[in-house]
């Protein structure tokens, strides 16, 4: 059985993702071009690594890039609701504008934890750029810091999705599209 056979349906193709990433990169470039200090783009490992790699190439500004790891899913398909930072930034964000690049925002608990953490480190603003937003799953309201902005690639229906960095038990990240995983693959 091939990897593609595990997918029930494709929600966003490689082409659609590429086009949207270009639009988001242009929007971020416009929004931050007047800032005197280069923004820090923070990828949330591991899910956002493909999205991060693509989006930073579409931001036409000097930027600093770093990673942070927040664990909340483990090997399951449902967030534990108790995110913990297991790998912190090495870049100092004090007094800087930070753009968090996330694969998916659902309950809001991971993002809330991250925003609070970056605020405690002295970030002057925290913006979020997420590939997918699943507002129907939101449990925690998060507030951006300073003049932070919210950039969203696609609003995601309530499916368990994989591909383009998103996983199920560390599998399926290498799919070039975002698709719905067949339920029998995780039950």
N, C-alpha and C. Protein backbone atom coordinates (compact mmCIF):
# COMPACT_ATOMS: atom_id res chain seq x y z
N UNK A 1 0.85 -1.18 0.00
CA UNK A 1 0.00 0.00 0.00
C UNK A 1 0.89 1.25 0.00
N UNK A 2 0.64 2.13 -0.93
CA UNK A 2 1.40 3.38 -1.03
C UNK A 2 0.87 4.42 -0.06
N UNK A 3 1.70 5.39 0.23
CA UNK A 3 1.35 6.47 1.15
C UNK A 3 0.06 7.17 0.72
N UNK A 4 -0.09 7.45 -0.56
CA UNK A 4 -1.29 8.13 -1.06
C UNK A 4 -2.56 7.32 -0.84
N UNK A 5 -2.43 6.00 -0.71
CA UNK A 5 -3.59 5.14 -0.48
C UNK A 5 -4.18 5.33 0.92
N UNK A 6 -3.43 5.99 1.82
CA UNK A 6 -3.89 6.22 3.19
C UNK A 6 -4.76 7.48 3.29
N UNK A 7 -4.87 8.20 2.17
CA UNK A 7 -5.56 9.49 2.17
C UNK A 7 -6.97 9.33 1.61
N UNK A 8 -7.94 9.84 2.36
CA UNK A 8 -9.34 9.78 1.94
C UNK A 8 -9.62 10.79 0.84
N UNK A 9 -9.12 12.03 1.04
CA UNK A 9 -9.28 13.05 0.01
C UNK A 9 -8.25 14.15 0.23
N UNK A 10 -7.93 14.85 -0.84
CA UNK A 10 -6.99 15.96 -0.78
C UNK A 10 -7.79 17.25 -0.60
N UNK A 11 -7.40 18.04 0.41
CA UNK A 11 -8.07 19.32 0.66
C UNK A 11 -7.39 20.46 -0.09
N UNK A 12 -6.04 20.49 -0.06
CA UNK A 12 -5.29 21.53 -0.77
C UNK A 12 -4.12 20.89 -1.49
N UNK A 13 -4.05 21.16 -2.77
CA UNK A 13 -3.00 20.59 -3.61
C UNK A 13 -1.67 21.33 -3.40
N UNK A 14 -0.64 20.75 -3.91
CA UNK A 14 0.69 21.37 -3.86
C UNK A 14 0.66 22.75 -4.51
N UNK A 15 -0.03 22.88 -5.63
CA UNK A 15 -0.13 24.15 -6.34
C UNK A 15 -0.90 25.19 -5.53
N UNK A 16 -2.01 24.79 -4.95
CA UNK A 16 -2.80 25.72 -4.12
C UNK A 16 -1.99 26.21 -2.92
N UNK A 17 -1.26 25.30 -2.29
CA UNK A 17 -0.43 25.67 -1.14
C UNK A 17 0.65 26.65 -1.58
N UNK A 18 1.31 26.36 -2.69
CA UNK A 18 2.38 27.22 -3.19
C UNK A 18 1.88 28.64 -3.47
N UNK A 19 0.73 28.73 -4.10
CA UNK A 19 0.15 30.04 -4.41
C UNK A 19 -0.19 30.81 -3.14
N UNK A 20 -0.76 30.11 -2.16
CA UNK A 20 -1.14 30.78 -0.91
C UNK A 20 0.09 31.20 -0.12
N UNK A 21 1.12 30.39 -0.11
CA UNK A 21 2.37 30.73 0.58
C UNK A 21 2.97 31.99 -0.03
N UNK A 22 2.94 32.11 -1.34
CA UNK A 22 3.45 33.32 -2.00
C UNK A 22 2.66 34.55 -1.56
N UNK A 23 1.34 34.42 -1.50
CA UNK A 23 0.49 35.54 -1.05
C UNK A 23 0.82 35.94 0.38
N UNK A 24 0.96 34.95 1.26
CA UNK A 24 1.27 35.24 2.66
C UNK A 24 2.65 35.89 2.80
N UNK A 25 3.63 35.40 2.05
CA UNK A 25 4.96 35.99 2.08
C UNK A 25 4.95 37.44 1.64
N UNK A 26 4.19 37.75 0.61
CA UNK A 26 4.05 39.13 0.14
C UNK A 26 3.38 40.01 1.19
N UNK A 27 2.37 39.48 1.84
CA UNK A 27 1.66 40.24 2.86
C UNK A 27 2.57 40.53 4.06
N UNK A 28 3.33 39.54 4.49
CA UNK A 28 4.28 39.74 5.60
C UNK A 28 5.34 40.76 5.20
N UNK A 29 5.84 40.66 3.98
CA UNK A 29 6.84 41.62 3.49
C UNK A 29 6.27 43.04 3.57
N UNK A 30 5.07 43.24 3.08
CA UNK A 30 4.44 44.57 3.12
C UNK A 30 4.28 45.07 4.55
N UNK A 31 3.83 44.19 5.43
CA UNK A 31 3.54 44.59 6.81
C UNK A 31 4.79 44.92 7.63
N UNK A 32 5.92 44.33 7.30
CA UNK A 32 7.12 44.52 8.11
C UNK A 32 8.21 45.34 7.44
N UNK A 33 7.99 45.80 6.20
CA UNK A 33 9.07 46.49 5.49
C UNK A 33 9.48 47.81 6.12
N UNK A 34 8.60 48.45 6.86
CA UNK A 34 8.91 49.74 7.48
C UNK A 34 9.58 49.59 8.85
N UNK A 35 9.69 48.36 9.35
CA UNK A 35 10.28 48.15 10.67
C UNK A 35 11.80 48.33 10.61
N UNK A 36 12.38 49.04 11.59
CA UNK A 36 13.82 49.27 11.58
C UNK A 36 14.65 48.04 11.95
N UNK A 37 14.03 47.07 12.62
CA UNK A 37 14.74 45.86 13.03
C UNK A 37 14.15 44.67 12.29
N UNK A 38 15.01 43.81 11.79
CA UNK A 38 14.55 42.62 11.07
C UNK A 38 13.70 41.74 11.97
N UNK A 39 12.56 41.28 11.47
CA UNK A 39 11.74 40.38 12.28
C UNK A 39 12.42 39.02 12.48
N UNK A 40 12.04 38.37 13.57
CA UNK A 40 12.50 37.01 13.85
C UNK A 40 11.36 36.08 13.47
N UNK A 41 11.63 35.17 12.55
CA UNK A 41 10.63 34.19 12.14
C UNK A 41 10.92 32.91 12.90
N UNK A 42 9.93 32.46 13.68
CA UNK A 42 10.11 31.30 14.55
C UNK A 42 9.24 30.16 14.06
N UNK A 43 9.87 29.11 13.61
CA UNK A 43 9.14 27.92 13.18
C UNK A 43 8.86 27.01 14.35
N UNK A 44 7.64 26.50 14.41
CA UNK A 44 7.27 25.58 15.47
C UNK A 44 7.56 24.17 14.96
N UNK A 45 8.58 23.56 15.56
CA UNK A 45 9.02 22.23 15.13
C UNK A 45 8.04 21.19 15.67
N UNK A 46 7.79 20.17 14.94
CA UNK A 46 8.36 19.81 13.68
C UNK A 46 7.38 20.07 12.54
N UNK A 47 6.14 20.23 12.86
CA UNK A 47 5.10 20.32 11.85
C UNK A 47 5.22 21.45 10.85
N UNK A 48 5.81 22.56 11.27
CA UNK A 48 5.86 23.74 10.39
C UNK A 48 7.10 23.79 9.51
N UNK A 49 7.96 22.77 9.54
CA UNK A 49 9.24 22.89 8.85
C UNK A 49 9.12 23.10 7.34
N UNK A 50 8.21 22.45 6.67
CA UNK A 50 8.05 22.65 5.22
C UNK A 50 7.46 24.02 4.93
N UNK A 51 6.43 24.38 5.67
CA UNK A 51 5.79 25.68 5.53
C UNK A 51 6.79 26.80 5.81
N UNK A 52 7.57 26.64 6.87
CA UNK A 52 8.59 27.64 7.21
C UNK A 52 9.60 27.80 6.07
N UNK A 53 10.11 26.70 5.57
CA UNK A 53 11.10 26.75 4.49
C UNK A 53 10.54 27.49 3.27
N UNK A 54 9.29 27.24 2.95
CA UNK A 54 8.68 27.89 1.78
C UNK A 54 8.36 29.36 2.05
N UNK A 55 7.83 29.67 3.23
CA UNK A 55 7.40 31.04 3.48
C UNK A 55 8.58 31.99 3.62
N UNK A 56 9.67 31.56 4.25
CA UNK A 56 10.81 32.49 4.42
C UNK A 56 11.41 32.85 3.07
N UNK A 57 11.29 31.98 2.09
CA UNK A 57 11.80 32.30 0.74
C UNK A 57 10.91 33.29 0.01
N UNK A 58 9.72 33.52 0.55
CA UNK A 58 8.78 34.48 -0.06
C UNK A 58 8.71 35.79 0.72
N UNK A 59 9.45 35.88 1.82
CA UNK A 59 9.53 37.13 2.58
C UNK A 59 10.78 37.86 2.10
N UNK A 60 10.59 38.99 1.44
CA UNK A 60 11.70 39.69 0.81
C UNK A 60 12.22 40.82 1.70
N UNK A 61 12.66 40.40 2.89
CA UNK A 61 13.23 41.30 3.89
C UNK A 61 14.37 40.56 4.58
N UNK A 62 15.27 41.33 5.21
CA UNK A 62 16.23 40.64 6.07
C UNK A 62 15.47 40.06 7.26
N UNK A 63 15.66 38.79 7.54
CA UNK A 63 14.98 38.15 8.66
C UNK A 63 15.97 37.25 9.39
N UNK A 64 15.64 36.95 10.63
CA UNK A 64 16.35 35.94 11.40
C UNK A 64 15.39 34.78 11.56
N UNK A 65 15.91 33.55 11.50
CA UNK A 65 15.05 32.37 11.61
C UNK A 65 15.54 31.51 12.77
N UNK A 66 14.59 31.00 13.54
CA UNK A 66 14.92 30.09 14.63
C UNK A 66 13.76 29.10 14.77
N UNK A 67 13.98 28.09 15.59
CA UNK A 67 12.95 27.08 15.85
C UNK A 67 12.67 26.98 17.33
N UNK A 68 11.46 26.58 17.64
CA UNK A 68 11.05 26.26 19.00
C UNK A 68 10.22 24.98 18.90
N UNK A 69 10.30 24.16 19.93
CA UNK A 69 9.51 22.93 19.92
C UNK A 69 8.54 22.96 21.09
N UNK A 70 7.28 22.73 20.77
CA UNK A 70 6.23 22.67 21.78
C UNK A 70 5.54 21.33 21.60
N UNK A 71 5.51 20.56 22.66
CA UNK A 71 4.89 19.24 22.59
C UNK A 71 3.50 19.28 23.20
N UNK A 72 2.52 18.77 22.43
CA UNK A 72 1.16 18.69 22.97
C UNK A 72 0.38 17.49 22.43
N UNK A 73 0.88 16.85 21.38
CA UNK A 73 0.14 15.73 20.79
C UNK A 73 0.73 14.37 21.11
N UNK A 74 2.04 14.29 21.24
CA UNK A 74 2.66 12.97 21.40
C UNK A 74 2.40 12.17 20.14
N UNK A 75 2.00 10.91 20.30
CA UNK A 75 1.75 10.08 19.12
C UNK A 75 0.26 9.95 18.82
N UNK A 76 -0.58 10.73 19.51
CA UNK A 76 -2.01 10.62 19.31
C UNK A 76 -2.54 11.57 18.26
N UNK A 77 -3.87 11.63 18.18
CA UNK A 77 -4.53 12.49 17.20
C UNK A 77 -5.29 13.63 17.89
N UNK A 78 -5.20 13.69 19.22
CA UNK A 78 -5.88 14.73 19.98
C UNK A 78 -4.86 15.39 20.90
N UNK A 79 -4.90 16.72 20.95
CA UNK A 79 -3.99 17.47 21.81
C UNK A 79 -4.23 17.14 23.27
N UNK A 80 -3.15 17.06 24.03
CA UNK A 80 -3.26 16.82 25.47
C UNK A 80 -3.84 18.02 26.19
N UNK A 81 -3.77 19.20 25.55
CA UNK A 81 -4.25 20.43 26.18
C UNK A 81 -3.24 21.04 27.13
N UNK A 82 -2.10 20.38 27.32
CA UNK A 82 -1.06 20.85 28.22
C UNK A 82 0.26 20.97 27.47
N UNK A 83 0.41 21.99 26.63
CA UNK A 83 1.64 22.11 25.86
C UNK A 83 2.83 22.47 26.75
N UNK A 84 3.98 21.94 26.39
CA UNK A 84 5.22 22.26 27.08
C UNK A 84 6.30 22.59 26.06
N UNK A 85 7.13 23.55 26.38
CA UNK A 85 8.24 23.91 25.50
C UNK A 85 9.40 22.98 25.80
N UNK A 86 9.75 22.16 24.84
CA UNK A 86 10.81 21.17 25.04
C UNK A 86 12.13 21.58 24.39
N UNK A 87 12.08 22.60 23.53
CA UNK A 87 13.30 23.11 22.89
C UNK A 87 13.07 24.59 22.64
N UNK A 88 13.90 25.43 23.26
CA UNK A 88 13.68 26.86 23.22
C UNK A 88 14.54 27.53 22.14
N UNK A 89 14.25 28.79 21.93
CA UNK A 89 14.98 29.61 20.96
C UNK A 89 16.42 29.83 21.39
N UNK A 90 17.30 30.03 20.41
CA UNK A 90 18.65 30.48 20.74
C UNK A 90 18.80 31.96 20.40
N UNK A 91 17.90 32.50 19.57
CA UNK A 91 17.93 33.91 19.19
C UNK A 91 17.23 34.73 20.28
N UNK A 92 17.84 35.87 20.63
CA UNK A 92 17.24 36.78 21.60
C UNK A 92 16.15 37.58 20.89
N UNK A 93 14.92 37.52 21.40
CA UNK A 93 13.80 38.21 20.75
C UNK A 93 13.43 39.50 21.47
N UNK A 94 14.17 39.86 22.49
CA UNK A 94 13.87 41.07 23.26
C UNK A 94 13.85 42.29 22.35
N UNK A 95 12.71 43.02 22.38
CA UNK A 95 12.57 44.23 21.59
C UNK A 95 12.38 44.00 20.10
N UNK A 96 12.14 42.77 19.70
CA UNK A 96 11.99 42.45 18.27
C UNK A 96 10.57 42.02 17.94
N UNK A 97 10.25 42.13 16.66
CA UNK A 97 8.98 41.63 16.15
C UNK A 97 9.17 40.15 15.80
N UNK A 98 8.28 39.32 16.31
CA UNK A 98 8.38 37.88 16.09
C UNK A 98 7.19 37.43 15.26
N UNK A 99 7.46 36.61 14.26
CA UNK A 99 6.40 35.97 13.47
C UNK A 99 6.51 34.46 13.74
N UNK A 100 5.53 33.92 14.44
CA UNK A 100 5.49 32.49 14.72
C UNK A 100 4.88 31.79 13.51
N UNK A 101 5.58 30.81 12.97
CA UNK A 101 5.08 30.04 11.83
C UNK A 101 4.65 28.67 12.35
N UNK A 102 3.36 28.42 12.22
CA UNK A 102 2.74 27.21 12.77
C UNK A 102 2.08 26.42 11.64
N UNK A 103 2.01 25.11 11.79
CA UNK A 103 1.35 24.30 10.77
C UNK A 103 -0.17 24.39 10.88
N UNK A 104 -0.69 24.29 12.12
CA UNK A 104 -2.14 24.33 12.31
C UNK A 104 -2.46 24.91 13.68
N UNK A 105 -3.49 25.73 13.72
CA UNK A 105 -4.01 26.25 14.97
C UNK A 105 -5.38 25.63 15.17
N UNK A 106 -5.53 24.88 16.25
CA UNK A 106 -6.84 24.30 16.52
C UNK A 106 -7.35 24.73 17.89
N UNK A 107 -6.99 24.06 18.97
CA UNK A 107 -7.54 24.43 20.28
C UNK A 107 -7.07 25.81 20.74
N UNK A 108 -5.89 26.22 20.29
CA UNK A 108 -5.33 27.49 20.70
C UNK A 108 -4.40 27.38 21.89
N UNK A 109 -4.34 26.22 22.53
CA UNK A 109 -3.51 26.08 23.73
C UNK A 109 -2.02 26.17 23.42
N UNK A 110 -1.55 25.54 22.36
CA UNK A 110 -0.14 25.63 22.00
C UNK A 110 0.22 27.07 21.66
N UNK A 111 -0.59 27.70 20.87
CA UNK A 111 -0.31 29.07 20.46
C UNK A 111 -0.35 30.03 21.65
N UNK A 112 -1.29 29.86 22.53
CA UNK A 112 -1.36 30.69 23.73
C UNK A 112 -0.09 30.53 24.57
N UNK A 113 0.36 29.30 24.73
CA UNK A 113 1.59 29.00 25.47
C UNK A 113 2.78 29.69 24.81
N UNK A 114 2.88 29.58 23.50
CA UNK A 114 3.97 30.20 22.75
C UNK A 114 3.97 31.72 22.85
N UNK A 115 2.82 32.32 22.69
CA UNK A 115 2.71 33.78 22.75
C UNK A 115 3.11 34.27 24.14
N UNK A 116 2.63 33.60 25.17
CA UNK A 116 3.01 33.98 26.53
C UNK A 116 4.52 33.85 26.74
N UNK A 117 5.09 32.78 26.22
CA UNK A 117 6.53 32.54 26.34
C UNK A 117 7.34 33.64 25.64
N UNK A 118 6.94 34.00 24.43
CA UNK A 118 7.66 35.03 23.67
C UNK A 118 7.48 36.41 24.31
N UNK A 119 6.31 36.65 24.84
CA UNK A 119 6.06 37.90 25.55
C UNK A 119 6.98 37.99 26.78
N UNK A 120 7.11 36.88 27.50
CA UNK A 120 7.98 36.87 28.69
C UNK A 120 9.45 37.07 28.32
N UNK A 121 9.80 36.76 27.09
CA UNK A 121 11.18 36.97 26.62
C UNK A 121 11.38 38.38 26.07
N UNK A 122 10.33 39.21 26.12
CA UNK A 122 10.46 40.61 25.75
C UNK A 122 10.21 40.96 24.30
N UNK A 123 9.55 40.07 23.54
CA UNK A 123 9.23 40.39 22.14
C UNK A 123 8.34 41.63 22.11
N UNK A 124 8.64 42.56 21.21
CA UNK A 124 7.83 43.79 21.14
C UNK A 124 6.50 43.53 20.45
N UNK A 125 6.45 42.55 19.57
CA UNK A 125 5.19 42.12 18.99
C UNK A 125 5.31 40.64 18.62
N UNK A 126 4.17 39.96 18.65
CA UNK A 126 4.13 38.57 18.22
C UNK A 126 2.99 38.44 17.22
N UNK A 127 3.35 38.06 16.00
CA UNK A 127 2.38 37.76 14.95
C UNK A 127 2.38 36.26 14.74
N UNK A 128 1.34 35.75 14.12
CA UNK A 128 1.24 34.33 13.86
C UNK A 128 0.93 34.13 12.38
N UNK A 129 1.65 33.21 11.77
CA UNK A 129 1.38 32.81 10.39
C UNK A 129 1.16 31.31 10.41
N UNK A 130 -0.06 30.90 10.21
CA UNK A 130 -0.39 29.47 10.24
C UNK A 130 -0.84 29.01 8.87
N UNK A 131 -0.44 27.82 8.52
CA UNK A 131 -0.90 27.24 7.26
C UNK A 131 -2.40 26.98 7.35
N UNK A 132 -2.83 26.36 8.45
CA UNK A 132 -4.23 25.99 8.62
C UNK A 132 -4.77 26.53 9.93
N UNK A 133 -6.03 26.93 9.90
CA UNK A 133 -6.73 27.34 11.11
C UNK A 133 -8.00 26.52 11.20
N UNK A 134 -8.21 25.92 12.37
CA UNK A 134 -9.39 25.10 12.61
C UNK A 134 -10.19 25.75 13.75
N UNK A 135 -10.90 26.86 13.45
CA UNK A 135 -11.58 27.61 14.50
C UNK A 135 -12.68 26.84 15.24
N UNK A 136 -13.23 25.81 14.63
CA UNK A 136 -14.28 25.04 15.29
C UNK A 136 -13.74 24.28 16.50
N UNK A 137 -12.43 24.11 16.58
CA UNK A 137 -11.80 23.39 17.69
C UNK A 137 -11.28 24.32 18.79
N UNK A 138 -11.40 25.63 18.59
CA UNK A 138 -10.81 26.60 19.52
C UNK A 138 -11.40 26.47 20.92
N UNK A 139 -10.53 26.31 21.89
CA UNK A 139 -10.91 26.24 23.30
C UNK A 139 -10.31 27.39 24.10
N UNK A 140 -9.16 27.88 23.63
CA UNK A 140 -8.46 28.94 24.34
C UNK A 140 -8.29 30.13 23.40
N UNK A 141 -8.73 31.29 23.89
CA UNK A 141 -8.54 32.51 23.11
C UNK A 141 -7.12 32.99 23.33
N UNK A 142 -6.43 33.33 22.27
CA UNK A 142 -5.07 33.84 22.40
C UNK A 142 -5.05 35.28 21.92
N UNK A 143 -4.18 36.07 22.52
CA UNK A 143 -4.05 37.46 22.13
C UNK A 143 -2.65 37.70 21.61
N UNK A 144 -2.58 38.32 20.45
CA UNK A 144 -1.29 38.65 19.87
C UNK A 144 -0.67 39.78 20.68
N UNK A 145 0.64 39.91 20.61
CA UNK A 145 1.36 40.90 21.40
C UNK A 145 1.63 42.14 20.55
N UNK A 146 1.50 43.31 21.16
CA UNK A 146 1.81 44.56 20.47
C UNK A 146 0.94 44.73 19.24
N UNK A 147 1.59 45.03 18.14
CA UNK A 147 0.88 45.22 16.87
C UNK A 147 0.87 43.93 16.04
N UNK A 148 0.87 42.80 16.72
CA UNK A 148 0.90 41.51 16.04
C UNK A 148 -0.28 41.30 15.11
N UNK A 149 -0.03 40.54 14.07
CA UNK A 149 -1.05 40.24 13.06
C UNK A 149 -1.24 38.73 12.96
N UNK A 150 -2.38 38.34 12.42
CA UNK A 150 -2.70 36.93 12.24
C UNK A 150 -2.81 36.64 10.75
N UNK A 151 -1.93 35.77 10.26
CA UNK A 151 -1.92 35.37 8.85
C UNK A 151 -2.35 33.91 8.76
N UNK A 152 -3.31 33.63 7.92
CA UNK A 152 -3.83 32.27 7.81
C UNK A 152 -3.85 31.83 6.35
N UNK A 153 -3.31 30.64 6.12
CA UNK A 153 -3.32 30.09 4.78
C UNK A 153 -4.71 29.63 4.36
N UNK A 154 -5.27 28.72 5.14
CA UNK A 154 -6.58 28.15 4.82
C UNK A 154 -7.34 27.86 6.11
N UNK A 155 -8.67 28.03 6.06
CA UNK A 155 -9.50 27.59 7.17
C UNK A 155 -9.80 26.11 6.94
N UNK A 156 -9.52 25.31 7.95
CA UNK A 156 -9.59 23.86 7.81
C UNK A 156 -10.87 23.31 8.43
N UNK A 157 -11.59 22.49 7.67
CA UNK A 157 -12.75 21.82 8.26
C UNK A 157 -12.30 20.83 9.34
N UNK A 158 -13.22 20.33 10.10
CA UNK A 158 -12.90 19.47 11.23
C UNK A 158 -12.61 18.03 10.79
N UNK A 159 -11.46 17.87 10.15
CA UNK A 159 -10.94 16.56 9.76
C UNK A 159 -9.56 16.39 10.37
N UNK A 160 -9.12 15.14 10.48
CA UNK A 160 -7.73 14.92 10.87
C UNK A 160 -6.91 14.96 9.59
N UNK A 161 -6.06 15.99 9.47
CA UNK A 161 -5.33 16.22 8.22
C UNK A 161 -3.85 15.93 8.40
N UNK A 162 -3.24 15.52 7.29
CA UNK A 162 -1.80 15.23 7.26
C UNK A 162 -1.23 15.77 5.95
N UNK A 163 0.09 15.81 5.91
CA UNK A 163 0.79 16.24 4.71
C UNK A 163 1.36 17.63 4.86
N UNK A 164 2.32 17.96 4.01
CA UNK A 164 2.98 19.25 4.01
C UNK A 164 3.45 19.61 5.43
N UNK A 165 4.05 18.64 6.10
CA UNK A 165 4.59 18.83 7.44
C UNK A 165 3.70 18.31 8.54
N UNK A 166 2.40 18.25 8.31
CA UNK A 166 1.48 17.74 9.34
C UNK A 166 1.57 16.22 9.39
N UNK A 167 1.47 15.68 10.60
CA UNK A 167 1.71 14.25 10.76
C UNK A 167 0.64 13.56 11.57
N UNK A 168 0.75 12.25 11.59
CA UNK A 168 0.07 11.39 12.54
C UNK A 168 1.14 10.43 13.00
N UNK A 169 1.54 10.55 14.27
CA UNK A 169 2.60 9.72 14.85
C UNK A 169 3.88 9.80 14.02
N UNK A 170 4.22 11.01 13.59
CA UNK A 170 5.43 11.33 12.82
C UNK A 170 5.41 10.84 11.38
N UNK A 171 4.31 10.30 10.90
CA UNK A 171 4.19 9.84 9.52
C UNK A 171 3.41 10.85 8.69
N UNK A 172 3.57 10.79 7.38
CA UNK A 172 2.82 11.56 6.38
C UNK A 172 3.31 12.99 6.19
N UNK A 173 4.32 13.44 6.92
CA UNK A 173 4.82 14.82 6.77
C UNK A 173 5.29 15.09 5.34
N UNK A 174 5.77 14.07 4.65
CA UNK A 174 6.38 14.24 3.34
C UNK A 174 5.40 14.29 2.17
N UNK A 175 4.10 14.23 2.44
CA UNK A 175 3.14 14.40 1.35
C UNK A 175 3.20 15.86 0.88
N UNK A 176 3.14 16.10 -0.42
CA UNK A 176 3.27 17.47 -0.93
C UNK A 176 1.97 18.27 -0.86
N UNK A 177 0.92 17.67 -0.39
CA UNK A 177 -0.40 18.29 -0.29
C UNK A 177 -0.92 18.09 1.13
N UNK A 178 -2.08 18.70 1.45
CA UNK A 178 -2.75 18.45 2.73
C UNK A 178 -3.99 17.63 2.42
N UNK A 179 -4.08 16.50 3.09
CA UNK A 179 -5.21 15.62 2.85
C UNK A 179 -5.80 15.08 4.14
N UNK A 180 -6.97 14.48 4.00
CA UNK A 180 -7.67 13.87 5.12
C UNK A 180 -7.22 12.42 5.22
N UNK A 181 -6.73 12.06 6.39
CA UNK A 181 -6.28 10.70 6.63
C UNK A 181 -7.49 9.78 6.81
N UNK A 182 -7.44 8.63 6.16
CA UNK A 182 -8.52 7.67 6.32
C UNK A 182 -8.60 7.25 7.79
N UNK A 183 -9.80 7.23 8.37
CA UNK A 183 -9.95 6.90 9.79
C UNK A 183 -9.31 5.56 10.18
N UNK A 184 -9.35 4.59 9.31
CA UNK A 184 -8.76 3.29 9.65
C UNK A 184 -7.25 3.34 9.84
N UNK A 185 -6.63 4.44 9.41
CA UNK A 185 -5.19 4.58 9.55
C UNK A 185 -4.79 5.01 10.97
N UNK A 186 -5.74 5.51 11.73
CA UNK A 186 -5.39 5.93 13.10
C UNK A 186 -6.32 5.39 14.18
N UNK A 187 -7.18 4.48 13.83
CA UNK A 187 -8.06 3.89 14.86
C UNK A 187 -7.58 2.54 15.26
